[in-house]
């Protein structure tokens, strides 16, 4: 059973507008965003036992999602910083 909502907007509510804008304007960000959502759904399926897997497999997916979340956060911050400098 999932403990929380791991959607990117729930993880970073302060960047809601930035996330939306980047999804619309930046193909690379959109690709990373879609990958993050895919990983989140895969983790949820395992947590809900819809897809059987070992704890190790589930933890591997969670680590991938965490790394991607960190990458997306850095991307958002860098984009915001560049916009502020412009």
PDB file of N, CA and C in Angstrom:
ATOM      1  N   UNK A   1       0.842  -1.178   0.000  1.00  0.00           N
ATOM      2  CA  UNK A   1       0.000   0.000   0.000  1.00  0.00           C
ATOM      3  C   UNK A   1       0.890   1.245   0.000  1.00  0.00           C
ATOM      4  N   UNK A   2       0.690   2.143  -0.975  1.00  0.00           N
ATOM      5  CA  UNK A   2       1.517   3.340  -1.006  1.00  0.00           C
ATOM      6  C   UNK A   2       1.276   4.207   0.237  1.00  0.00           C
ATOM      7  N   UNK A   3       2.338   4.763   0.747  1.00  0.00           N
ATOM      8  CA  UNK A   3       2.242   5.583   1.940  1.00  0.00           C
ATOM      9  C   UNK A   3       1.888   7.015   1.564  1.00  0.00           C
ATOM     10  N   UNK A   4       2.442   7.507   0.471  1.00  0.00           N
ATOM     11  CA  UNK A   4       2.216   8.886   0.066  1.00  0.00           C
ATOM     12  C   UNK A   4       2.019   8.990  -1.438  1.00  0.00           C
ATOM     13  N   UNK A   5       1.631  10.189  -1.831  1.00  0.00           N
ATOM     14  CA  UNK A   5       1.537  10.519  -3.249  1.00  0.00           C
ATOM     15  C   UNK A   5       2.901  11.044  -3.683  1.00  0.00           C
ATOM     16  N   UNK A   6       3.545  10.340  -4.598  1.00  0.00           N
ATOM     17  CA  UNK A   6       4.883  10.729  -5.043  1.00  0.00           C
ATOM     18  C   UNK A   6       4.877  11.465  -6.376  1.00  0.00           C
ATOM     19  N   UNK A   7       3.727  12.036  -6.748  1.00  0.00           N
ATOM     20  CA  UNK A   7       3.719  12.824  -7.978  1.00  0.00           C
ATOM     21  C   UNK A   7       4.706  13.978  -7.809  1.00  0.00           C
ATOM     22  N   UNK A   8       5.297  14.412  -8.895  1.00  0.00           N
ATOM     23  CA  UNK A   8       6.318  15.450  -8.839  1.00  0.00           C
ATOM     24  C   UNK A   8       5.757  16.753  -8.262  1.00  0.00           C
ATOM     25  N   UNK A   9       4.528  17.066  -8.592  1.00  0.00           N
ATOM     26  CA  UNK A   9       3.924  18.298  -8.071  1.00  0.00           C
ATOM     27  C   UNK A   9       3.683  18.180  -6.571  1.00  0.00           C
ATOM     28  N   UNK A  10       3.370  16.994  -6.094  1.00  0.00           N
ATOM     29  CA  UNK A  10       3.213  16.798  -4.661  1.00  0.00           C
ATOM     30  C   UNK A  10       4.565  16.857  -3.953  1.00  0.00           C
ATOM     31  N   UNK A  11       5.598  16.359  -4.609  1.00  0.00           N
ATOM     32  CA  UNK A  11       6.945  16.385  -4.043  1.00  0.00           C
ATOM     33  C   UNK A  11       7.497  17.813  -3.992  1.00  0.00           C
ATOM     34  N   UNK A  12       7.182  18.610  -5.000  1.00  0.00           N
ATOM     35  CA  UNK A  12       7.705  19.986  -5.102  1.00  0.00           C
ATOM     36  C   UNK A  12       6.576  20.979  -5.381  1.00  0.00           C
ATOM     37  N   UNK A  13       5.672  21.179  -4.429  1.00  0.00           N
ATOM     38  CA  UNK A  13       4.539  22.086  -4.700  1.00  0.00           C
ATOM     39  C   UNK A  13       4.980  23.520  -4.988  1.00  0.00           C
ATOM     40  N   UNK A  14       6.143  23.906  -4.468  1.00  0.00           N
ATOM     41  CA  UNK A  14       6.643  25.268  -4.707  1.00  0.00           C
ATOM     42  C   UNK A  14       7.069  25.477  -6.157  1.00  0.00           C
ATOM     43  N   UNK A  15       7.237  24.391  -6.901  1.00  0.00           N
ATOM     44  CA  UNK A  15       7.656  24.472  -8.311  1.00  0.00           C
ATOM     45  C   UNK A  15       6.528  24.093  -9.276  1.00  0.00           C
ATOM     46  N   UNK A  16       5.300  24.118  -8.805  1.00  0.00           N
ATOM     47  CA  UNK A  16       4.172  23.676  -9.625  1.00  0.00           C
ATOM     48  C   UNK A  16       4.133  24.381 -10.984  1.00  0.00           C
ATOM     49  N   UNK A  17       4.247  25.696 -10.979  1.00  0.00           N
ATOM     50  CA  UNK A  17       4.192  26.450 -12.239  1.00  0.00           C
ATOM     51  C   UNK A  17       5.406  26.161 -13.117  1.00  0.00           C
ATOM     52  N   UNK A  18       6.574  26.045 -12.479  1.00  0.00           N
ATOM     53  CA  UNK A  18       7.798  25.739 -13.235  1.00  0.00           C
ATOM     54  C   UNK A  18       7.676  24.371 -13.914  1.00  0.00           C
ATOM     55  N   UNK A  19       7.167  23.399 -13.168  1.00  0.00           N
ATOM     56  CA  UNK A  19       7.014  22.040 -13.712  1.00  0.00           C
ATOM     57  C   UNK A  19       6.084  22.075 -14.918  1.00  0.00           C
ATOM     58  N   UNK A  20       4.968  22.744 -14.773  1.00  0.00           N
ATOM     59  CA  UNK A  20       4.010  22.822 -15.887  1.00  0.00           C
ATOM     60  C   UNK A  20       4.647  23.474 -17.114  1.00  0.00           C
ATOM     61  N   UNK A  21       5.333  24.588 -16.889  1.00  0.00           N
ATOM     62  CA  UNK A  21       5.946  25.303 -18.016  1.00  0.00           C
ATOM     63  C   UNK A  21       7.018  24.452 -18.687  1.00  0.00           C
ATOM     64  N   UNK A  22       7.846  23.799 -17.888  1.00  0.00           N
ATOM     65  CA  UNK A  22       8.909  22.957 -18.459  1.00  0.00           C
ATOM     66  C   UNK A  22       8.325  21.778 -19.239  1.00  0.00           C
ATOM     67  N   UNK A  23       7.246  21.190 -18.741  1.00  0.00           N
ATOM     68  CA  UNK A  23       6.601  20.088 -19.476  1.00  0.00           C
ATOM     69  C   UNK A  23       6.134  20.551 -20.848  1.00  0.00           C
ATOM     70  N   UNK A  24       5.673  21.793 -20.917  1.00  0.00           N
ATOM     71  CA  UNK A  24       5.144  22.315 -22.172  1.00  0.00           C
ATOM     72  C   UNK A  24       6.248  22.751 -23.140  1.00  0.00           C
ATOM     73  N   UNK A  25       7.359  23.274 -22.600  1.00  0.00           N
ATOM     74  CA  UNK A  25       8.370  23.926 -23.434  1.00  0.00           C
ATOM     75  C   UNK A  25       9.662  23.151 -23.642  1.00  0.00           C
ATOM     76  N   UNK A  26       9.942  22.167 -22.814  1.00  0.00           N
ATOM     77  CA  UNK A  26      11.250  21.516 -22.820  1.00  0.00           C
ATOM     78  C   UNK A  26      11.097  20.007 -23.009  1.00  0.00           C
ATOM     79  N   UNK A  27      11.445  19.539 -24.194  1.00  0.00           N
ATOM     80  CA  UNK A  27      11.271  18.114 -24.533  1.00  0.00           C
ATOM     81  C   UNK A  27      12.091  17.203 -23.624  1.00  0.00           C
ATOM     82  N   UNK A  28      13.287  17.615 -23.270  1.00  0.00           N
ATOM     83  CA  UNK A  28      14.126  16.786 -22.399  1.00  0.00           C
ATOM     84  C   UNK A  28      13.513  16.672 -21.000  1.00  0.00           C
ATOM     85  N   UNK A  29      13.047  17.789 -20.469  1.00  0.00           N
ATOM     86  CA  UNK A  29      12.383  17.754 -19.163  1.00  0.00           C
ATOM     87  C   UNK A  29      11.151  16.861 -19.227  1.00  0.00           C
ATOM     88  N   UNK A  30      10.368  17.005 -20.292  1.00  0.00           N
ATOM     89  CA  UNK A  30       9.143  16.191 -20.448  1.00  0.00           C
ATOM     90  C   UNK A  30       9.488  14.714 -20.450  1.00  0.00           C
ATOM     91  N   UNK A  31      10.573  14.335 -21.113  1.00  0.00           N
ATOM     92  CA  UNK A  31      10.994  12.941 -21.151  1.00  0.00           C
ATOM     93  C   UNK A  31      11.348  12.454 -19.738  1.00  0.00           C
ATOM     94  N   UNK A  32      12.108  13.249 -19.000  1.00  0.00           N
ATOM     95  CA  UNK A  32      12.471  12.883 -17.630  1.00  0.00           C
ATOM     96  C   UNK A  32      11.232  12.817 -16.729  1.00  0.00           C
ATOM     97  N   UNK A  33      10.342  13.757 -16.905  1.00  0.00           N
ATOM     98  CA  UNK A  33       9.091  13.810 -16.140  1.00  0.00           C
ATOM     99  C   UNK A  33       8.258  12.552 -16.392  1.00  0.00           C
ATOM    100  N   UNK A  34       8.126  12.175 -17.661  1.00  0.00           N
ATOM    101  CA  UNK A  34       7.374  10.971 -18.009  1.00  0.00           C
ATOM    102  C   UNK A  34       8.027   9.716 -17.428  1.00  0.00           C
ATOM    103  N   UNK A  35       9.345   9.672 -17.462  1.00  0.00           N
ATOM    104  CA  UNK A  35      10.074   8.536 -16.895  1.00  0.00           C
ATOM    105  C   UNK A  35       9.845   8.457 -15.378  1.00  0.00           C
ATOM    106  N   UNK A  36       9.864   9.600 -14.716  1.00  0.00           N
ATOM    107  CA  UNK A  36       9.601   9.652 -13.279  1.00  0.00           C
ATOM    108  C   UNK A  36       8.200   9.109 -12.981  1.00  0.00           C
ATOM    109  N   UNK A  37       7.210   9.551 -13.743  1.00  0.00           N
ATOM    110  CA  UNK A  37       5.840   9.070 -13.543  1.00  0.00           C
ATOM    111  C   UNK A  37       5.736   7.571 -13.784  1.00  0.00           C
ATOM    112  N   UNK A  38       6.428   7.081 -14.798  1.00  0.00           N
ATOM    113  CA  UNK A  38       6.422   5.647 -15.086  1.00  0.00           C
ATOM    114  C   UNK A  38       7.012   4.859 -13.906  1.00  0.00           C
ATOM    115  N   UNK A  39       8.147   5.318 -13.398  1.00  0.00           N
ATOM    116  CA  UNK A  39       8.763   4.641 -12.253  1.00  0.00           C
ATOM    117  C   UNK A  39       7.840   4.674 -11.040  1.00  0.00           C
ATOM    118  N   UNK A  40       7.179   5.792 -10.818  1.00  0.00           N
ATOM    119  CA  UNK A  40       6.258   5.914  -9.688  1.00  0.00           C
ATOM    120  C   UNK A  40       5.125   4.900  -9.813  1.00  0.00           C
ATOM    121  N   UNK A  41       4.579   4.760 -11.009  1.00  0.00           N
ATOM    122  CA  UNK A  41       3.504   3.783 -11.223  1.00  0.00           C
ATOM    123  C   UNK A  41       3.998   2.353 -11.014  1.00  0.00           C
ATOM    124  N   UNK A  42       5.214   2.066 -11.451  1.00  0.00           N
ATOM    125  CA  UNK A  42       5.780   0.732 -11.263  1.00  0.00           C
ATOM    126  C   UNK A  42       5.984   0.423  -9.780  1.00  0.00           C
ATOM    127  N   UNK A  43       6.464   1.401  -9.039  1.00  0.00           N
ATOM    128  CA  UNK A  43       6.640   1.218  -7.590  1.00  0.00           C
ATOM    129  C   UNK A  43       5.279   0.978  -6.938  1.00  0.00           C
ATOM    130  N   UNK A  44       4.297   1.775  -7.299  1.00  0.00           N
ATOM    131  CA  UNK A  44       2.961   1.634  -6.716  1.00  0.00           C
ATOM    132  C   UNK A  44       2.365   0.265  -6.999  1.00  0.00           C
ATOM    133  N   UNK A  45       2.553  -0.251  -8.206  1.00  0.00           N
ATOM    134  CA  UNK A  45       2.044  -1.588  -8.546  1.00  0.00           C
ATOM    135  C   UNK A  45       2.655  -2.650  -7.647  1.00  0.00           C
ATOM    136  N   UNK A  46       3.934  -2.476  -7.333  1.00  0.00           N
ATOM    137  CA  UNK A  46       4.615  -3.438  -6.466  1.00  0.00           C
ATOM    138  C   UNK A  46       4.183  -3.274  -5.005  1.00  0.00           C
ATOM    139  N   UNK A  47       4.013  -2.031  -4.589  1.00  0.00           N
ATOM    140  CA  UNK A  47       3.562  -1.778  -3.225  1.00  0.00           C
ATOM    141  C   UNK A  47       2.155  -2.334  -2.999  1.00  0.00           C
ATOM    142  N   UNK A  48       1.323  -2.231  -4.002  1.00  0.00           N
ATOM    143  CA  UNK A  48      -0.052  -2.722  -3.908  1.00  0.00           C
ATOM    144  C   UNK A  48      -0.150  -4.210  -4.242  1.00  0.00           C
ATOM    145  N   UNK A  49       0.982  -4.800  -4.555  1.00  0.00           N
ATOM    146  CA  UNK A  49       1.090  -6.217  -4.900  1.00  0.00           C
ATOM    147  C   UNK A  49       0.277  -6.583  -6.138  1.00  0.00           C
ATOM    148  N   UNK A  50       0.125  -5.612  -7.036  1.00  0.00           N
ATOM    149  CA  UNK A  50      -0.500  -5.869  -8.331  1.00  0.00           C
ATOM    150  C   UNK A  50       0.501  -6.622  -9.205  1.00  0.00           C
ATOM    151  N   UNK A  51       1.765  -6.220  -9.103  1.00  0.00           N
ATOM    152  CA  UNK A  51       2.862  -6.894  -9.802  1.00  0.00           C
ATOM    153  C   UNK A  51       3.749  -7.516  -8.737  1.00  0.00           C
ATOM    154  N   UNK A  52       3.863  -8.841  -8.756  1.00  0.00           N
ATOM    155  CA  UNK A  52       4.729  -9.475  -7.752  1.00  0.00           C
ATOM    156  C   UNK A  52       6.194  -9.143  -8.008  1.00  0.00           C
ATOM    157  N   UNK A  53       6.908  -8.883  -6.925  1.00  0.00           N
ATOM    158  CA  UNK A  53       8.343  -8.614  -7.049  1.00  0.00           C
ATOM    159  C   UNK A  53       8.988  -8.814  -5.682  1.00  0.00           C
ATOM    160  N   UNK A  54      10.286  -8.895  -5.714  1.00  0.00           N
ATOM    161  CA  UNK A  54      11.021  -9.026  -4.464  1.00  0.00           C
ATOM    162  C   UNK A  54      11.218  -7.640  -3.858  1.00  0.00           C
ATOM    163  N   UNK A  55      11.548  -7.620  -2.599  1.00  0.00           N
ATOM    164  CA  UNK A  55      11.848  -6.354  -1.933  1.00  0.00           C
ATOM    165  C   UNK A  55      13.024  -5.674  -2.609  1.00  0.00           C
ATOM    166  N   UNK A  56      13.998  -6.451  -3.031  1.00  0.00           N
ATOM    167  CA  UNK A  56      15.175  -5.907  -3.700  1.00  0.00           C
ATOM    168  C   UNK A  56      14.793  -5.203  -5.000  1.00  0.00           C
ATOM    169  N   UNK A  57      13.908  -5.826  -5.777  1.00  0.00           N
ATOM    170  CA  UNK A  57      13.459  -5.204  -7.033  1.00  0.00           C
ATOM    171  C   UNK A  57      12.709  -3.896  -6.763  1.00  0.00           C
ATOM    172  N   UNK A  58      11.856  -3.919  -5.755  1.00  0.00           N
ATOM    173  CA  UNK A  58      11.093  -2.718  -5.407  1.00  0.00           C
ATOM    174  C   UNK A  58      12.025  -1.602  -4.939  1.00  0.00           C
ATOM    175  N   UNK A  59      12.998  -1.952  -4.118  1.00  0.00           N
ATOM    176  CA  UNK A  59      13.955  -0.953  -3.627  1.00  0.00           C
ATOM    177  C   UNK A  59      14.800  -0.382  -4.767  1.00  0.00           C
ATOM    178  N   UNK A  60      15.141  -1.202  -5.734  1.00  0.00           N
ATOM    179  CA  UNK A  60      15.911  -0.730  -6.897  1.00  0.00           C
ATOM    180  C   UNK A  60      15.112   0.327  -7.663  1.00  0.00           C
ATOM    181  N   UNK A  61      13.823   0.069  -7.868  1.00  0.00           N
ATOM    182  CA  UNK A  61      12.971   1.041  -8.560  1.00  0.00           C
ATOM    183  C   UNK A  61      12.843   2.332  -7.756  1.00  0.00           C
ATOM    184  N   UNK A  62      12.729   2.206  -6.448  1.00  0.00           N
ATOM    185  CA  UNK A  62      12.623   3.390  -5.599  1.00  0.00           C
ATOM    186  C   UNK A  62      13.902   4.226  -5.664  1.00  0.00           C
ATOM    187  N   UNK A  63      15.038   3.576  -5.706  1.00  0.00           N
ATOM    188  CA  UNK A  63      16.312   4.296  -5.815  1.00  0.00           C
ATOM    189  C   UNK A  63      16.420   5.010  -7.161  1.00  0.00           C
ATOM    190  N   UNK A  64      15.977   4.337  -8.231  1.00  0.00           N
ATOM    191  CA  UNK A  64      15.989   4.976  -9.549  1.00  0.00           C
ATOM    192  C   UNK A  64      15.086   6.206  -9.550  1.00  0.00           C
ATOM    193  N   UNK A  65      13.915   6.061  -8.923  1.00  0.00           N
ATOM    194  CA  UNK A  65      12.977   7.184  -8.860  1.00  0.00           C
ATOM    195  C   UNK A  65      13.571   8.339  -8.056  1.00  0.00           C
ATOM    196  N   UNK A  66      14.234   8.034  -6.957  1.00  0.00           N
ATOM    197  CA  UNK A  66      14.848   9.067  -6.133  1.00  0.00           C
ATOM    198  C   UNK A  66      15.953   9.805  -6.892  1.00  0.00           C
ATOM    199  N   UNK A  67      16.774   9.058  -7.628  1.00  0.00           N
ATOM    200  CA  UNK A  67      17.824   9.694  -8.426  1.00  0.00           C
ATOM    201  C   UNK A  67      17.222  10.602  -9.493  1.00  0.00           C
ATOM    202  N   UNK A  68      16.168  10.127 -10.126  1.00  0.00           N
ATOM    203  CA  UNK A  68      15.502  10.919 -11.162  1.00  0.00           C
ATOM    204  C   UNK A  68      14.839  12.151 -10.552  1.00  0.00           C
ATOM    205  N   UNK A  69      14.261  11.994  -9.372  1.00  0.00           N
ATOM    206  CA  UNK A  69      13.655  13.134  -8.684  1.00  0.00           C
ATOM    207  C   UNK A  69      14.712  14.201  -8.387  1.00  0.00           C
ATOM    208  N   UNK A  70      15.886  13.772  -7.940  1.00  0.00           N
ATOM    209  CA  UNK A  70      16.978  14.709  -7.685  1.00  0.00           C
ATOM    210  C   UNK A  70      17.410  15.420  -8.968  1.00  0.00           C
ATOM    211  N   UNK A  71      17.475  14.664 -10.057  1.00  0.00           N
ATOM    212  CA  UNK A  71      17.836  15.243 -11.357  1.00  0.00           C
ATOM    213  C   UNK A  71      16.801  16.282 -11.781  1.00  0.00           C
ATOM    214  N   UNK A  72      15.529  15.943 -11.636  1.00  0.00           N
ATOM    215  CA  UNK A  72      14.456  16.869 -12.019  1.00  0.00           C
ATOM    216  C   UNK A  72      14.474  18.120 -11.150  1.00  0.00           C
ATOM    217  N   UNK A  73      14.717  17.961  -9.867  1.00  0.00           N
ATOM    218  CA  UNK A  73      14.779  19.119  -8.983  1.00  0.00           C
ATOM    219  C   UNK A  73      15.927  20.043  -9.390  1.00  0.00           C
ATOM    220  N   UNK A  74      17.079  19.462  -9.693  1.00  0.00           N
ATOM    221  CA  UNK A  74      18.210  20.262 -10.148  1.00  0.00           C
ATOM    222  C   UNK A  74      17.900  20.986 -11.445  1.00  0.00           C
ATOM    223  N   UNK A  75      17.219  20.307 -12.353  1.00  0.00           N
ATOM    224  CA  UNK A  75      16.826  20.880 -13.638  1.00  0.00           C
ATOM    225  C   UNK A  75      15.910  22.081 -13.422  1.00  0.00           C
ATOM    226  N   UNK A  76      14.928  21.902 -12.533  1.00  0.00           N
ATOM    227  CA  UNK A  76      13.975  22.981 -12.251  1.00  0.00           C
ATOM    228  C   UNK A  76      14.693  24.175 -11.638  1.00  0.00           C
ATOM    229  N   UNK A  77      15.538  23.916 -10.655  1.00  0.00           N
ATOM    230  CA  UNK A  77      16.265  25.006  -9.993  1.00  0.00           C
ATOM    231  C   UNK A  77      17.177  25.740 -10.964  1.00  0.00           C
ATOM    232  N   UNK A  78      17.875  25.001 -11.816  1.00  0.00           N
ATOM    233  CA  UNK A  78      18.779  25.623 -12.791  1.00  0.00           C
ATOM    234  C   UNK A  78      17.994  26.485 -13.779  1.00  0.00           C
ATOM    235  N   UNK A  79      16.857  25.993 -14.209  1.00  0.00           N
ATOM    236  CA  UNK A  79      16.028  26.739 -15.148  1.00  0.00           C
ATOM    237  C   UNK A  79      15.494  28.012 -14.496  1.00  0.00           C
ATOM    238  N   UNK A  80      15.074  27.875 -13.254  1.00  0.00           N
ATOM    239  CA  UNK A  80      14.559  29.041 -12.522  1.00  0.00           C
ATOM    240  C   UNK A  80      15.654  30.078 -12.313  1.00  0.00           C
ATOM    241  N   UNK A  81      16.840  29.624 -11.955  1.00  0.00           N
ATOM    242  CA  UNK A  81      17.966  30.526 -11.740  1.00  0.00           C
ATOM    243  C   UNK A  81      18.336  31.258 -13.033  1.00  0.00           C
ATOM    244  N   UNK A  82      18.352  30.521 -14.152  1.00  0.00           N
ATOM    245  CA  UNK A  82      18.657  31.141 -15.440  1.00  0.00           C
ATOM    246  C   UNK A  82      17.611  32.190 -15.804  1.00  0.00           C
ATOM    247  N   UNK A  83      16.346  31.910 -15.506  1.00  0.00           N
ATOM    248  CA  UNK A  83      15.280  32.860 -15.814  1.00  0.00           C
ATOM    249  C   UNK A  83      15.397  34.116 -14.955  1.00  0.00           C
ATOM    250  N   UNK A  84      15.811  33.937 -13.709  1.00  0.00           N
ATOM    251  CA  UNK A  84      15.968  35.087 -12.817  1.00  0.00           C
ATOM    252  C   UNK A  84      17.128  35.987 -13.256  1.00  0.00           C
ATOM    253  N   UNK A  85      18.156  35.384 -13.842  1.00  0.00           N
ATOM    254  CA  UNK A  85      19.314  36.150 -14.295  1.00  0.00           C
ATOM    255  C   UNK A  85      19.028  36.898 -15.595  1.00  0.00           C
ATOM    256  N   UNK A  86      18.071  36.392 -16.358  1.00  0.00           N
ATOM    257  CA  UNK A  86      17.780  36.990 -17.675  1.00  0.00           C
ATOM    258  C   UNK A  86      17.032  38.299 -17.547  1.00  0.00           C
TER     259      UNK A  86
END
